[in-house]
Amino acid sequence: GASDLMRTVLGFAATGTARPLIAKGNAGIPKYHDGHIHYDGTPELMAEYAVLARDAGVRIIGGCCGTMPEHLRAMRDALENKPKGPHPTLEDISSHLGGFSSASDGTGDTSGDPKRERRGRRG
């Protein structure tokens, strides 16, 4: 969800990269209901995500899976009308967007993780 994406954004921003940061968050977590996939992220949640992303230094902000026109309208309205705030913390992210669903920040830093042994192809 958006909270995990924002944690990854903070990880990349902390590297001091000169490259522009891009964020395209899902509109919540997918849930299977009545034969269809539904995302539980509200337009208000996506608006919060967009503002936090901007405040974290993201230059291109969008939506991915589950994002509907009403999400995009709320995101645009929030970005146009809420003043820029301080760089968000992990606590800010979890309090506005909800908890994190994984232990990794997604930046690829595997320090401290056990190395996975690669096995050859069986033939």
PDB file of N, CA and C in Angstrom:
ATOM      1  N   GLY A   1       0.804  -1.194   0.000  1.00  0.00           N
ATOM      2  CA  GLY A   1       0.000   0.000   0.000  1.00  0.00           C
ATOM      3  C   GLY A   1       0.851   1.264   0.000  1.00  0.00           C
ATOM      4  N   ALA A   2       0.209   2.374   0.159  1.00  0.00           N
ATOM      5  CA  ALA A   2       0.894   3.667   0.099  1.00  0.00           C
ATOM      6  C   ALA A   2       1.918   3.837   1.214  1.00  0.00           C
ATOM      7  N   SER A   3       1.663   3.251   2.386  1.00  0.00           N
ATOM      8  CA  SER A   3       2.628   3.409   3.483  1.00  0.00           C
ATOM      9  C   SER A   3       3.947   2.723   3.149  1.00  0.00           C
ATOM     10  N   ASP A   4       3.891   1.519   2.573  1.00  0.00           N
ATOM     11  CA  ASP A   4       5.129   0.822   2.193  1.00  0.00           C
ATOM     12  C   ASP A   4       5.877   1.580   1.103  1.00  0.00           C
ATOM     13  N   LEU A   5       5.142   2.108   0.136  1.00  0.00           N
ATOM     14  CA  LEU A   5       5.781   2.893  -0.924  1.00  0.00           C
ATOM     15  C   LEU A   5       6.476   4.115  -0.334  1.00  0.00           C
ATOM     16  N   MET A   6       5.824   4.800   0.591  1.00  0.00           N
ATOM     17  CA  MET A   6       6.421   5.994   1.176  1.00  0.00           C
ATOM     18  C   MET A   6       7.654   5.664   2.008  1.00  0.00           C
ATOM     19  N   ARG A   7       7.659   4.511   2.671  1.00  0.00           N
ATOM     20  CA  ARG A   7       8.857   4.102   3.399  1.00  0.00           C
ATOM     21  C   ARG A   7      10.010   3.896   2.417  1.00  0.00           C
ATOM     22  N   THR A   8       9.725   3.313   1.259  1.00  0.00           N
ATOM     23  CA  THR A   8      10.755   3.135   0.230  1.00  0.00           C
ATOM     24  C   THR A   8      11.237   4.487  -0.283  1.00  0.00           C
ATOM     25  N   VAL A   9      10.319   5.425  -0.483  1.00  0.00           N
ATOM     26  CA  VAL A   9      10.690   6.774  -0.917  1.00  0.00           C
ATOM     27  C   VAL A   9      11.660   7.394   0.082  1.00  0.00           C
ATOM     28  N   LEU A  10      11.368   7.277   1.374  1.00  0.00           N
ATOM     29  CA  LEU A  10      12.275   7.834   2.382  1.00  0.00           C
ATOM     30  C   LEU A  10      13.642   7.174   2.306  1.00  0.00           C
ATOM     31  N   GLY A  11      13.664   5.870   2.047  1.00  0.00           N
ATOM     32  CA  GLY A  11      14.939   5.164   1.914  1.00  0.00           C
ATOM     33  C   GLY A  11      15.759   5.672   0.749  1.00  0.00           C
ATOM     34  N   PHE A  12      15.118   5.875  -0.394  1.00  0.00           N
ATOM     35  CA  PHE A  12      15.836   6.402  -1.557  1.00  0.00           C
ATOM     36  C   PHE A  12      16.254   7.853  -1.335  1.00  0.00           C
ATOM     37  N   ALA A  13      15.383   8.654  -0.730  1.00  0.00           N
ATOM     38  CA  ALA A  13      15.723  10.056  -0.465  1.00  0.00           C
ATOM     39  C   ALA A  13      16.929  10.148   0.465  1.00  0.00           C
ATOM     40  N   ALA A  14      17.038   9.216   1.407  1.00  0.00           N
ATOM     41  CA  ALA A  14      18.149   9.234   2.368  1.00  0.00           C
ATOM     42  C   ALA A  14      19.496   8.944   1.713  1.00  0.00           C
ATOM     43  N   THR A  15      19.487   8.358   0.522  1.00  0.00           N
ATOM     44  CA  THR A  15      20.754   8.079  -0.170  1.00  0.00           C
ATOM     45  C   THR A  15      21.342   9.338  -0.775  1.00  0.00           C
ATOM     46  N   GLY A  16      20.556  10.411  -0.840  1.00  0.00           N
ATOM     47  CA  GLY A  16      21.039  11.661  -1.414  1.00  0.00           C
ATOM     48  C   GLY A  16      21.073  11.648  -2.931  1.00  0.00           C
ATOM     49  N   THR A  17      20.286  10.788  -3.540  1.00  0.00           N
ATOM     50  CA  THR A  17      20.275  10.692  -4.991  1.00  0.00           C
ATOM     51  C   THR A  17      19.910  12.022  -5.641  1.00  0.00           C
ATOM     52  N   ALA A  18      20.547  12.295  -6.764  1.00  0.00           N
ATOM     53  CA  ALA A  18      20.219  13.496  -7.532  1.00  0.00           C
ATOM     54  C   ALA A  18      19.115  13.199  -8.544  1.00  0.00           C
ATOM     55  N   ARG A  19      18.787  11.937  -8.695  1.00  0.00           N
ATOM     56  CA  ARG A  19      17.731  11.549  -9.640  1.00  0.00           C
ATOM     57  C   ARG A  19      16.369  11.924  -9.078  1.00  0.00           C
ATOM     58  N   PRO A  20      15.433  12.273  -9.950  1.00  0.00           N
ATOM     59  CA  PRO A  20      14.093  12.603  -9.452  1.00  0.00           C
ATOM     60  C   PRO A  20      13.409  11.366  -8.875  1.00  0.00           C
ATOM     61  N   LEU A  21      12.715  11.554  -7.778  1.00  0.00           N
ATOM     62  CA  LEU A  21      11.955  10.467  -7.171  1.00  0.00           C
ATOM     63  C   LEU A  21      10.557  10.440  -7.771  1.00  0.00           C
ATOM     64  N   ILE A  22      10.077   9.236  -8.050  1.00  0.00           N
ATOM     65  CA  ILE A  22       8.757   9.010  -8.638  1.00  0.00           C
ATOM     66  C   ILE A  22       8.003   8.066  -7.713  1.00  0.00           C
ATOM     67  N   ALA A  23       6.743   8.353  -7.441  1.00  0.00           N
ATOM     68  CA  ALA A  23       5.927   7.478  -6.599  1.00  0.00           C
ATOM     69  C   ALA A  23       4.574   7.251  -7.259  1.00  0.00           C
ATOM     70  N   LYS A  24       4.206   5.985  -7.386  1.00  0.00           N
ATOM     71  CA  LYS A  24       2.894   5.603  -7.925  1.00  0.00           C
ATOM     72  C   LYS A  24       2.296   4.568  -6.977  1.00  0.00           C
ATOM     73  N   GLY A  25       1.557   5.043  -5.998  1.00  0.00           N
ATOM     74  CA  GLY A  25       1.009   4.158  -4.975  1.00  0.00           C
ATOM     75  C   GLY A  25      -0.290   3.494  -5.392  1.00  0.00           C
ATOM     76  N   ASN A  26      -0.463   2.255  -4.942  1.00  0.00           N
ATOM     77  CA  ASN A  26      -1.749   1.580  -5.112  1.00  0.00           C
ATOM     78  C   ASN A  26      -2.789   2.271  -4.242  1.00  0.00           C
ATOM     79  N   ALA A  27      -4.028   2.182  -4.661  1.00  0.00           N
ATOM     80  CA  ALA A  27      -5.127   2.744  -3.876  1.00  0.00           C
ATOM     81  C   ALA A  27      -5.533   1.742  -2.800  1.00  0.00           C
ATOM     82  N   GLY A  28      -4.631   1.510  -1.880  1.00  0.00           N
ATOM     83  CA  GLY A  28      -4.900   0.577  -0.794  1.00  0.00           C
ATOM     84  C   GLY A  28      -4.419  -0.828  -1.098  1.00  0.00           C
ATOM     85  N   ILE A  29      -4.968  -1.763  -0.363  1.00  0.00           N
ATOM     86  CA  ILE A  29      -4.607  -3.174  -0.469  1.00  0.00           C
ATOM     87  C   ILE A  29      -5.724  -3.897  -1.218  1.00  0.00           C
ATOM     88  N   PRO A  30      -5.371  -4.757  -2.191  1.00  0.00           N
ATOM     89  CA  PRO A  30      -6.425  -5.467  -2.931  1.00  0.00           C
ATOM     90  C   PRO A  30      -7.125  -6.504  -2.054  1.00  0.00           C
ATOM     91  N   LYS A  31      -8.423  -6.553  -2.166  1.00  0.00           N
ATOM     92  CA  LYS A  31      -9.251  -7.536  -1.451  1.00  0.00           C
ATOM     93  C   LYS A  31     -10.176  -8.192  -2.477  1.00  0.00           C
ATOM     94  N   TYR A  32     -10.320  -9.489  -2.385  1.00  0.00           N
ATOM     95  CA  TYR A  32     -11.221 -10.216  -3.276  1.00  0.00           C
ATOM     96  C   TYR A  32     -12.596 -10.265  -2.627  1.00  0.00           C
ATOM     97  N   HIS A  33     -13.612  -9.745  -3.333  1.00  0.00           N
ATOM     98  CA  HIS A  33     -14.959  -9.676  -2.776  1.00  0.00           C
ATOM     99  C   HIS A  33     -15.973  -9.836  -3.903  1.00  0.00           C
ATOM    100  N   ASP A  34     -16.880 -10.764  -3.753  1.00  0.00           N
ATOM    101  CA  ASP A  34     -17.946 -11.004  -4.740  1.00  0.00           C
ATOM    102  C   ASP A  34     -17.410 -11.185  -6.160  1.00  0.00           C
ATOM    103  N   GLY A  35     -16.326 -11.930  -6.281  1.00  0.00           N
ATOM    104  CA  GLY A  35     -15.789 -12.242  -7.599  1.00  0.00           C
ATOM    105  C   GLY A  35     -14.963 -11.146  -8.240  1.00  0.00           C
ATOM    106  N   HIS A  36     -14.659 -10.083  -7.502  1.00  0.00           N
ATOM    107  CA  HIS A  36     -13.890  -8.965  -8.054  1.00  0.00           C
ATOM    108  C   HIS A  36     -12.821  -8.521  -7.062  1.00  0.00           C
ATOM    109  N   ILE A  37     -11.783  -7.917  -7.597  1.00  0.00           N
ATOM    110  CA  ILE A  37     -10.747  -7.313  -6.762  1.00  0.00           C
ATOM    111  C   ILE A  37     -11.154  -5.868  -6.473  1.00  0.00           C
ATOM    112  N   HIS A  38     -11.145  -5.499  -5.210  1.00  0.00           N
ATOM    113  CA  HIS A  38     -11.439  -4.127  -4.784  1.00  0.00           C
ATOM    114  C   HIS A  38     -10.261  -3.625  -3.958  1.00  0.00           C
ATOM    115  N   TYR A  39      -9.941  -2.360  -4.111  1.00  0.00           N
ATOM    116  CA  TYR A  39      -8.870  -1.737  -3.328  1.00  0.00           C
ATOM    117  C   TYR A  39      -9.512  -0.891  -2.241  1.00  0.00           C
ATOM    118  N   ASP A  40      -8.948  -0.956  -1.036  1.00  0.00           N
ATOM    119  CA  ASP A  40      -9.587  -0.311   0.109  1.00  0.00           C
ATOM    120  C   ASP A  40      -9.138   1.126   0.364  1.00  0.00           C
ATOM    121  N   GLY A  41      -8.292   1.677  -0.492  1.00  0.00           N
ATOM    122  CA  GLY A  41      -7.825   3.046  -0.297  1.00  0.00           C
ATOM    123  C   GLY A  41      -8.856   4.071  -0.735  1.00  0.00           C
ATOM    124  N   THR A  42      -9.166   4.987   0.147  1.00  0.00           N
ATOM    125  CA  THR A  42     -10.141   6.036  -0.149  1.00  0.00           C
ATOM    126  C   THR A  42      -9.462   7.204  -0.873  1.00  0.00           C
ATOM    127  N   PRO A  43     -10.242   8.057  -1.512  1.00  0.00           N
ATOM    128  CA  PRO A  43      -9.656   9.266  -2.088  1.00  0.00           C
ATOM    129  C   PRO A  43      -8.921  10.105  -1.040  1.00  0.00           C
ATOM    130  N   GLU A  44      -9.443  10.148   0.181  1.00  0.00           N
ATOM    131  CA  GLU A  44      -8.795  10.916   1.246  1.00  0.00           C
ATOM    132  C   GLU A  44      -7.425  10.335   1.598  1.00  0.00           C
ATOM    133  N   LEU A  45      -7.334   9.011   1.636  1.00  0.00           N
ATOM    134  CA  LEU A  45      -6.053   8.360   1.912  1.00  0.00           C
ATOM    135  C   LEU A  45      -5.048   8.671   0.806  1.00  0.00           C
ATOM    136  N   MET A  46      -5.500   8.616  -0.439  1.00  0.00           N
ATOM    137  CA  MET A  46      -4.602   8.899  -1.560  1.00  0.00           C
ATOM    138  C   MET A  46      -4.172  10.360  -1.563  1.00  0.00           C
ATOM    139  N   ALA A  47      -5.048  11.254  -1.104  1.00  0.00           N
ATOM    140  CA  ALA A  47      -4.674  12.666  -0.985  1.00  0.00           C
ATOM    141  C   ALA A  47      -3.577  12.829   0.063  1.00  0.00           C
ATOM    142  N   GLU A  48      -3.702  12.136   1.184  1.00  0.00           N
ATOM    143  CA  GLU A  48      -2.665  12.172   2.228  1.00  0.00           C
ATOM    144  C   GLU A  48      -1.345  11.639   1.683  1.00  0.00           C
ATOM    145  N   TYR A  49      -1.410  10.520   0.955  1.00  0.00           N
ATOM    146  CA  TYR A  49      -0.210   9.935   0.347  1.00  0.00           C
ATOM    147  C   TYR A  49       0.467  10.943  -0.580  1.00  0.00           C
ATOM    148  N   ALA A  50      -0.315  11.620  -1.423  1.00  0.00           N
ATOM    149  CA  ALA A  50       0.256  12.567  -2.382  1.00  0.00           C
ATOM    150  C   ALA A  50       0.980  13.705  -1.669  1.00  0.00           C
ATOM    151  N   VAL A  51       0.391  14.228  -0.610  1.00  0.00           N
ATOM    152  CA  VAL A  51       1.006  15.327   0.139  1.00  0.00           C
ATOM    153  C   VAL A  51       2.288  14.853   0.831  1.00  0.00           C
ATOM    154  N   LEU A  52       2.247  13.674   1.448  1.00  0.00           N
ATOM    155  CA  LEU A  52       3.450  13.144   2.091  1.00  0.00           C
ATOM    156  C   LEU A  52       4.552  12.890   1.066  1.00  0.00           C
ATOM    157  N   ALA A  53       4.173  12.385  -0.106  1.00  0.00           N
ATOM    158  CA  ALA A  53       5.164  12.140  -1.162  1.00  0.00           C
ATOM    159  C   ALA A  53       5.812  13.449  -1.593  1.00  0.00           C
ATOM    160  N   ARG A  54       5.007  14.470  -1.815  1.00  0.00           N
ATOM    161  CA  ARG A  54       5.554  15.777  -2.190  1.00  0.00           C
ATOM    162  C   ARG A  54       6.497  16.297  -1.115  1.00  0.00           C
ATOM    163  N   ASP A  55       6.071  16.189   0.137  1.00  0.00           N
ATOM    164  CA  ASP A  55       6.882  16.696   1.239  1.00  0.00           C
ATOM    165  C   ASP A  55       8.177  15.905   1.414  1.00  0.00           C
ATOM    166  N   ALA A  56       8.194  14.661   0.924  1.00  0.00           N
ATOM    167  CA  ALA A  56       9.401  13.829   0.985  1.00  0.00           C
ATOM    168  C   ALA A  56      10.337  14.089  -0.189  1.00  0.00           C
ATOM    169  N   GLY A  57       9.920  14.951  -1.120  1.00  0.00           N
ATOM    170  CA  GLY A  57      10.780  15.293  -2.243  1.00  0.00           C
ATOM    171  C   GLY A  57      10.459  14.592  -3.545  1.00  0.00           C
ATOM    172  N   VAL A  58       9.335  13.889  -3.603  1.00  0.00           N
ATOM    173  CA  VAL A  58       8.945  13.211  -4.839  1.00  0.00           C
ATOM    174  C   VAL A  58       8.543  14.256  -5.873  1.00  0.00           C
ATOM    175  N   ARG A  59       9.053  14.094  -7.090  1.00  0.00           N
ATOM    176  CA  ARG A  59       8.783  15.063  -8.164  1.00  0.00           C
ATOM    177  C   ARG A  59       7.623  14.631  -9.056  1.00  0.00           C
ATOM    178  N   ILE A  60       7.414  13.338  -9.210  1.00  0.00           N
ATOM    179  CA  ILE A  60       6.317  12.817 -10.031  1.00  0.00           C
ATOM    180  C   ILE A  60       5.480  11.918  -9.129  1.00  0.00           C
ATOM    181  N   ILE A  61       4.208  12.278  -8.956  1.00  0.00           N
ATOM    182  CA  ILE A  61       3.317  11.561  -8.044  1.00  0.00           C
ATOM    183  C   ILE A  61       2.120  11.068  -8.835  1.00  0.00           C
ATOM    184  N   GLY A  62       1.821   9.792  -8.697  1.00  0.00           N
ATOM    185  CA  GLY A  62       0.679   9.219  -9.396  1.00  0.00           C
ATOM    186  C   GLY A  62       0.075   8.087  -8.598  1.00  0.00           C
ATOM    187  N   GLY A  63      -0.806   7.369  -9.260  1.00  0.00           N
ATOM    188  CA  GLY A  63      -1.446   6.217  -8.651  1.00  0.00           C
ATOM    189  C   GLY A  63      -1.262   5.008  -9.537  1.00  0.00           C
ATOM    190  N   CYS A  64      -1.417   3.845  -8.948  1.00  0.00           N
ATOM    191  CA  CYS A  64      -1.266   2.598  -9.696  1.00  0.00           C
ATOM    192  C   CYS A  64      -2.553   1.799  -9.506  1.00  0.00           C
ATOM    193  N   CYS A  65      -2.411   0.542  -9.200  1.00  0.00           N
ATOM    194  CA  CYS A  65      -3.559  -0.368  -9.130  1.00  0.00           C
ATOM    195  C   CYS A  65      -4.659   0.169  -8.216  1.00  0.00           C
ATOM    196  N   GLY A  66      -5.876   0.130  -8.702  1.00  0.00           N
ATOM    197  CA  GLY A  66      -7.024   0.557  -7.924  1.00  0.00           C
ATOM    198  C   GLY A  66      -7.284   2.047  -7.936  1.00  0.00           C
ATOM    199  N   THR A  67      -6.397   2.823  -8.532  1.00  0.00           N
ATOM    200  CA  THR A  67      -6.570   4.277  -8.551  1.00  0.00           C
ATOM    201  C   THR A  67      -7.647   4.643  -9.567  1.00  0.00           C
ATOM    202  N   MET A  68      -8.636   5.378  -9.109  1.00  0.00           N
ATOM    203  CA  MET A  68      -9.770   5.789  -9.928  1.00  0.00           C
ATOM    204  C   MET A  68      -9.756   7.315 -10.073  1.00  0.00           C
ATOM    205  N   PRO A  69     -10.573   7.845 -10.989  1.00  0.00           N
ATOM    206  CA  PRO A  69     -10.602   9.305 -11.174  1.00  0.00           C
ATOM    207  C   PRO A  69     -10.854  10.082  -9.883  1.00  0.00           C
ATOM    208  N   GLU A  70     -11.693   9.557  -8.990  1.00  0.00           N
ATOM    209  CA  GLU A  70     -11.959  10.286  -7.738  1.00  0.00           C
ATOM    210  C   GLU A  70     -10.721  10.341  -6.844  1.00  0.00           C
ATOM    211  N   HIS A  71      -9.865   9.314  -6.915  1.00  0.00           N
ATOM    212  CA  HIS A  71      -8.600   9.356  -6.174  1.00  0.00           C
ATOM    213  C   HIS A  71      -7.708  10.463  -6.735  1.00  0.00           C
ATOM    214  N   LEU A  72      -7.605  10.509  -8.054  1.00  0.00           N
ATOM    215  CA  LEU A  72      -6.742  11.507  -8.695  1.00  0.00           C
ATOM    216  C   LEU A  72      -7.228  12.924  -8.422  1.00  0.00           C
ATOM    217  N   ARG A  73      -8.549  13.131  -8.428  1.00  0.00           N
ATOM    218  CA  ARG A  73      -9.090  14.464  -8.119  1.00  0.00           C
ATOM    219  C   ARG A  73      -8.715  14.879  -6.698  1.00  0.00           C
ATOM    220  N   ALA A  74      -8.856  13.947  -5.751  1.00  0.00           N
ATOM    221  CA  ALA A  74      -8.522  14.262  -4.354  1.00  0.00           C
ATOM    222  C   ALA A  74      -7.030  14.546  -4.208  1.00  0.00           C
ATOM    223  N   MET A  75      -6.201  13.782  -4.912  1.00  0.00           N
ATOM    224  CA  MET A  75      -4.758  13.998  -4.857  1.00  0.00           C
ATOM    225  C   MET A  75      -4.402  15.377  -5.400  1.00  0.00           C
ATOM    226  N   ARG A  76      -4.971  15.720  -6.540  1.00  0.00           N
ATOM    227  CA  ARG A  76      -4.673  17.021  -7.148  1.00  0.00           C
ATOM    228  C   ARG A  76      -5.132  18.165  -6.244  1.00  0.00           C
ATOM    229  N   ASP A  77      -6.332  18.039  -5.710  1.00  0.00           N
ATOM    230  CA  ASP A  77      -6.857  19.084  -4.832  1.00  0.00           C
ATOM    231  C   ASP A  77      -5.950  19.273  -3.613  1.00  0.00           C
ATOM    232  N   ALA A  78      -5.521  18.170  -3.014  1.00  0.00           N
ATOM    233  CA  ALA A  78      -4.650  18.266  -1.835  1.00  0.00           C
ATOM    234  C   ALA A  78      -3.314  18.899  -2.191  1.00  0.00           C
ATOM    235  N   LEU A  79      -2.742  18.504  -3.319  1.00  0.00           N
ATOM    236  CA  LEU A  79      -1.446  19.064  -3.716  1.00  0.00           C
ATOM    237  C   LEU A  79      -1.541  20.553  -4.035  1.00  0.00           C
ATOM    238  N   GLU A  80      -2.670  20.969  -4.595  1.00  0.00           N
ATOM    239  CA  GLU A  80      -2.841  22.380  -4.941  1.00  0.00           C
ATOM    240  C   GLU A  80      -3.178  23.246  -3.728  1.00  0.00           C
ATOM    241  N   ASN A  81      -3.813  22.662  -2.714  1.00  0.00           N
ATOM    242  CA  ASN A  81      -4.340  23.480  -1.621  1.00  0.00           C
ATOM    243  C   ASN A  81      -3.643  23.327  -0.277  1.00  0.00           C
ATOM    244  N   LYS A  82      -2.899  22.267  -0.079  1.00  0.00           N
ATOM    245  CA  LYS A  82      -2.183  22.107   1.197  1.00  0.00           C
ATOM    246  C   LYS A  82      -0.768  22.634   1.037  1.00  0.00           C
ATOM    247  N   PRO A  83      -0.343  23.484   1.961  1.00  0.00           N
ATOM    248  CA  PRO A  83       1.025  24.015   1.859  1.00  0.00           C
ATOM    249  C   PRO A  83       2.055  22.914   2.093  1.00  0.00           C
ATOM    250  N   LYS A  84       3.233  23.118   1.519  1.00  0.00           N
ATOM    251  CA  LYS A  84       4.314  22.150   1.694  1.00  0.00           C
ATOM    252  C   LYS A  84       4.659  22.072   3.171  1.00  0.00           C
ATOM    253  N   GLY A  85       4.836  20.845   3.641  1.00  0.00           N
ATOM    254  CA  GLY A  85       5.155  20.620   5.040  1.00  0.00           C
ATOM    255  C   GLY A  85       6.564  20.088   5.212  1.00  0.00           C
ATOM    256  N   PRO A  86       6.911  19.725   6.436  1.00  0.00           N
ATOM    257  CA  PRO A  86       8.247  19.179   6.701  1.00  0.00           C
ATOM    258  C   PRO A  86       8.401  17.786   6.100  1.00  0.00           C
ATOM    259  N   HIS A  87       9.658  17.377   5.945  1.00  0.00           N
ATOM    260  CA  HIS A  87       9.960  16.033   5.453  1.00  0.00           C
ATOM    261  C   HIS A  87       9.317  15.019   6.404  1.00  0.00           C
ATOM    262  N   PRO A  88       8.479  14.099   5.899  1.00  0.00           N
ATOM    263  CA  PRO A  88       7.786  13.175   6.801  1.00  0.00           C
ATOM    264  C   PRO A  88       8.722  12.135   7.415  1.00  0.00           C
ATOM    265  N   THR A  89       8.335  11.660   8.577  1.00  0.00           N
ATOM    266  CA  THR A  89       9.046  10.582   9.264  1.00  0.00           C
ATOM    267  C   THR A  89       8.256   9.290   9.068  1.00  0.00           C
ATOM    268  N   LEU A  90       8.848   8.166   9.465  1.00  0.00           N
ATOM    269  CA  LEU A  90       8.117   6.898   9.417  1.00  0.00           C
ATOM    270  C   LEU A  90       6.864   6.959  10.285  1.00  0.00           C
ATOM    271  N   GLU A  91       6.954   7.652  11.407  1.00  0.00           N
ATOM    272  CA  GLU A  91       5.797   7.795  12.293  1.00  0.00           C
ATOM    273  C   GLU A  91       4.690   8.605  11.614  1.00  0.00           C
ATOM    274  N   ASP A  92       5.069   9.671  10.895  1.00  0.00           N
ATOM    275  CA  ASP A  92       4.079  10.457  10.148  1.00  0.00           C
ATOM    276  C   ASP A  92       3.366   9.575   9.131  1.00  0.00           C
ATOM    277  N   ILE A  93       4.150   8.786   8.417  1.00  0.00           N
ATOM    278  CA  ILE A  93       3.589   7.931   7.368  1.00  0.00           C
ATOM    279  C   ILE A  93       2.615   6.922   7.958  1.00  0.00           C
ATOM    280  N   SER A  94       3.026   6.211   8.997  1.00  0.00           N
ATOM    281  CA  SER A  94       2.136   5.187   9.561  1.00  0.00           C
ATOM    282  C   SER A  94       0.905   5.802  10.214  1.00  0.00           C
ATOM    283  N   SER A  95       1.027   6.996  10.788  1.00  0.00           N
ATOM    284  CA  SER A  95      -0.149   7.608  11.414  1.00  0.00           C
ATOM    285  C   SER A  95      -1.144   8.124  10.377  1.00  0.00           C
ATOM    286  N   HIS A  96      -0.672   8.540   9.206  1.00  0.00           N
ATOM    287  CA  HIS A  96      -1.569   9.056   8.164  1.00  0.00           C
ATOM    288  C   HIS A  96      -2.053   7.977   7.205  1.00  0.00           C
ATOM    289  N   LEU A  97      -1.196   6.999   6.904  1.00  0.00           N
ATOM    290  CA  LEU A  97      -1.513   6.028   5.852  1.00  0.00           C
ATOM    291  C   LEU A  97      -1.735   4.611   6.362  1.00  0.00           C
ATOM    292  N   GLY A  98      -1.428   4.351   7.613  1.00  0.00           N
ATOM    293  CA  GLY A  98      -1.571   3.000   8.153  1.00  0.00           C
ATOM    294  C   GLY A  98      -0.224   2.316   8.271  1.00  0.00           C
ATOM    295  N   GLY A  99      -0.245   1.161   8.908  1.00  0.00           N
ATOM    296  CA  GLY A  99       0.982   0.423   9.172  1.00  0.00           C
ATOM    297  C   GLY A  99       1.618  -0.149   7.923  1.00  0.00           C
ATOM    298  N   PHE A 100       2.818  -0.663   8.104  1.00  0.00           N
ATOM    299  CA  PHE A 100       3.585  -1.233   7.004  1.00  0.00           C
ATOM    300  C   PHE A 100       3.278  -2.720   6.890  1.00  0.00           C
ATOM    301  N   SER A 101       3.218  -3.231   5.656  1.00  0.00           N
ATOM    302  CA  SER A 101       2.868  -4.635   5.453  1.00  0.00           C
ATOM    303  C   SER A 101       4.082  -5.531   5.258  1.00  0.00           C
ATOM    304  N   SER A 102       5.276  -4.951   5.165  1.00  0.00           N
ATOM    305  CA  SER A 102       6.478  -5.770   5.008  1.00  0.00           C
ATOM    306  C   SER A 102       7.595  -5.202   5.874  1.00  0.00           C
ATOM    307  N   ALA A 103       8.609  -6.032   6.106  1.00  0.00           N
ATOM    308  CA  ALA A 103       9.737  -5.605   6.932  1.00  0.00           C
ATOM    309  C   ALA A 103      10.765  -4.820   6.136  1.00  0.00           C
ATOM    310  N   SER A 104      10.776  -4.967   4.823  1.00  0.00           N
ATOM    311  CA  SER A 104      11.780  -4.330   3.973  1.00  0.00           C
ATOM    312  C   SER A 104      11.342  -2.935   3.565  1.00  0.00           C
ATOM    313  N   ASP A 105      12.331  -2.048   3.398  1.00  0.00           N
ATOM    314  CA  ASP A 105      11.985  -0.721   2.886  1.00  0.00           C
ATOM    315  C   ASP A 105      12.012  -0.687   1.365  1.00  0.00           C
ATOM    316  N   GLY A 106      12.380  -1.792   0.719  1.00  0.00           N
ATOM    317  CA  GLY A 106      12.316  -1.883  -0.735  1.00  0.00           C
ATOM    318  C   GLY A 106      13.442  -1.221  -1.483  1.00  0.00           C
ATOM    319  N   THR A 107      14.470  -0.736  -0.792  1.00  0.00           N
ATOM    320  CA  THR A 107      15.562  -0.057  -1.490  1.00  0.00           C
ATOM    321  C   THR A 107      16.624  -1.021  -1.979  1.00  0.00           C
ATOM    322  N   GLY A 108      16.491  -2.292  -1.643  1.00  0.00           N
ATOM    323  CA  GLY A 108      17.474  -3.274  -2.090  1.00  0.00           C
ATOM    324  C   GLY A 108      18.608  -3.477  -1.123  1.00  0.00           C
ATOM    325  N   ASP A 109      18.633  -2.746  -0.022  1.00  0.00           N
ATOM    326  CA  ASP A 109      19.681  -2.918   0.980  1.00  0.00           C
ATOM    327  C   ASP A 109      19.403  -4.206   1.734  1.00  0.00           C
ATOM    328  N   THR A 110      20.275  -5.171   1.576  1.00  0.00           N
ATOM    329  CA  THR A 110      20.073  -6.465   2.222  1.00  0.00           C
ATOM    330  C   THR A 110      21.045  -6.679   3.366  1.00  0.00           C
ATOM    331  N   SER A 111      21.688  -5.620   3.842  1.00  0.00           N
ATOM    332  CA  SER A 111      22.638  -5.787   4.942  1.00  0.00           C
ATOM    333  C   SER A 111      21.913  -6.380   6.141  1.00  0.00           C
ATOM    334  N   GLY A 112      22.527  -7.392   6.699  1.00  0.00           N
ATOM    335  CA  GLY A 112      21.915  -8.060   7.832  1.00  0.00           C
ATOM    336  C   GLY A 112      20.995  -9.197   7.440  1.00  0.00           C
ATOM    337  N   ASP A 113      20.592  -9.272   6.178  1.00  0.00           N
ATOM    338  CA  ASP A 113      19.753 -10.370   5.731  1.00  0.00           C
ATOM    339  C   ASP A 113      20.631 -11.562   5.396  1.00  0.00           C
ATOM    340  N   PRO A 114      20.179 -12.771   5.709  1.00  0.00           N
ATOM    341  CA  PRO A 114      20.971 -13.933   5.324  1.00  0.00           C
ATOM    342  C   PRO A 114      21.039 -14.040   3.810  1.00  0.00           C
ATOM    343  N   LYS A 115      22.185 -14.432   3.313  1.00  0.00           N
ATOM    344  CA  LYS A 115      22.357 -14.585   1.868  1.00  0.00           C
ATOM    345  C   LYS A 115      21.591 -15.807   1.398  1.00  0.00           C
ATOM    346  N   ARG A 116      20.891 -15.653   0.294  1.00  0.00           N
ATOM    347  CA  ARG A 116      20.183 -16.783  -0.286  1.00  0.00           C
ATOM    348  C   ARG A 116      21.103 -17.477  -1.266  1.00  0.00           C
ATOM    349  N   GLU A 117      21.166 -18.780  -1.143  1.00  0.00           N
ATOM    350  CA  GLU A 117      22.021 -19.554  -2.031  1.00  0.00           C
ATOM    351  C   GLU A 117      21.284 -19.785  -3.335  1.00  0.00           C
ATOM    352  N   ARG A 118      21.956 -19.510  -4.417  1.00  0.00           N
ATOM    353  CA  ARG A 118      21.361 -19.709  -5.729  1.00  0.00           C
ATOM    354  C   ARG A 118      21.641 -21.130  -6.179  1.00  0.00           C
ATOM    355  N   ARG A 119      20.627 -21.797  -6.600  1.00  0.00           N
ATOM    356  CA  ARG A 119      20.782 -23.178  -7.033  1.00  0.00           C
ATOM    357  C   ARG A 119      20.769 -23.244  -8.546  1.00  0.00           C
ATOM    358  N   GLY A 120      21.545 -24.171  -9.060  1.00  0.00           N
ATOM    359  CA  GLY A 120      21.574 -24.375 -10.504  1.00  0.00           C
ATOM    360  C   GLY A 120      20.317 -25.067 -10.986  1.00  0.00           C
ATOM    361  N   ARG A 121      20.122 -25.018 -12.251  1.00  0.00           N
ATOM    362  CA  ARG A 121      18.963 -25.624 -12.881  1.00  0.00           C
ATOM    363  C   ARG A 121      19.099 -27.143 -12.864  1.00  0.00           C
ATOM    364  N   ARG A 122      18.031 -27.787 -12.542  1.00  0.00           N
ATOM    365  CA  ARG A 122      18.046 -29.253 -12.560  1.00  0.00           C
ATOM    366  C   ARG A 122      17.744 -29.723 -13.966  1.00  0.00           C
ATOM    367  N   GLY A 123      18.409 -30.768 -14.352  1.00  0.00           N
ATOM    368  CA  GLY A 123      18.136 -31.110 -15.720  1.00  0.00           C
ATOM    369  C   GLY A 123      18.177 -32.505 -16.018  1.00  0.00           C
TER     370      GLY A 123
END
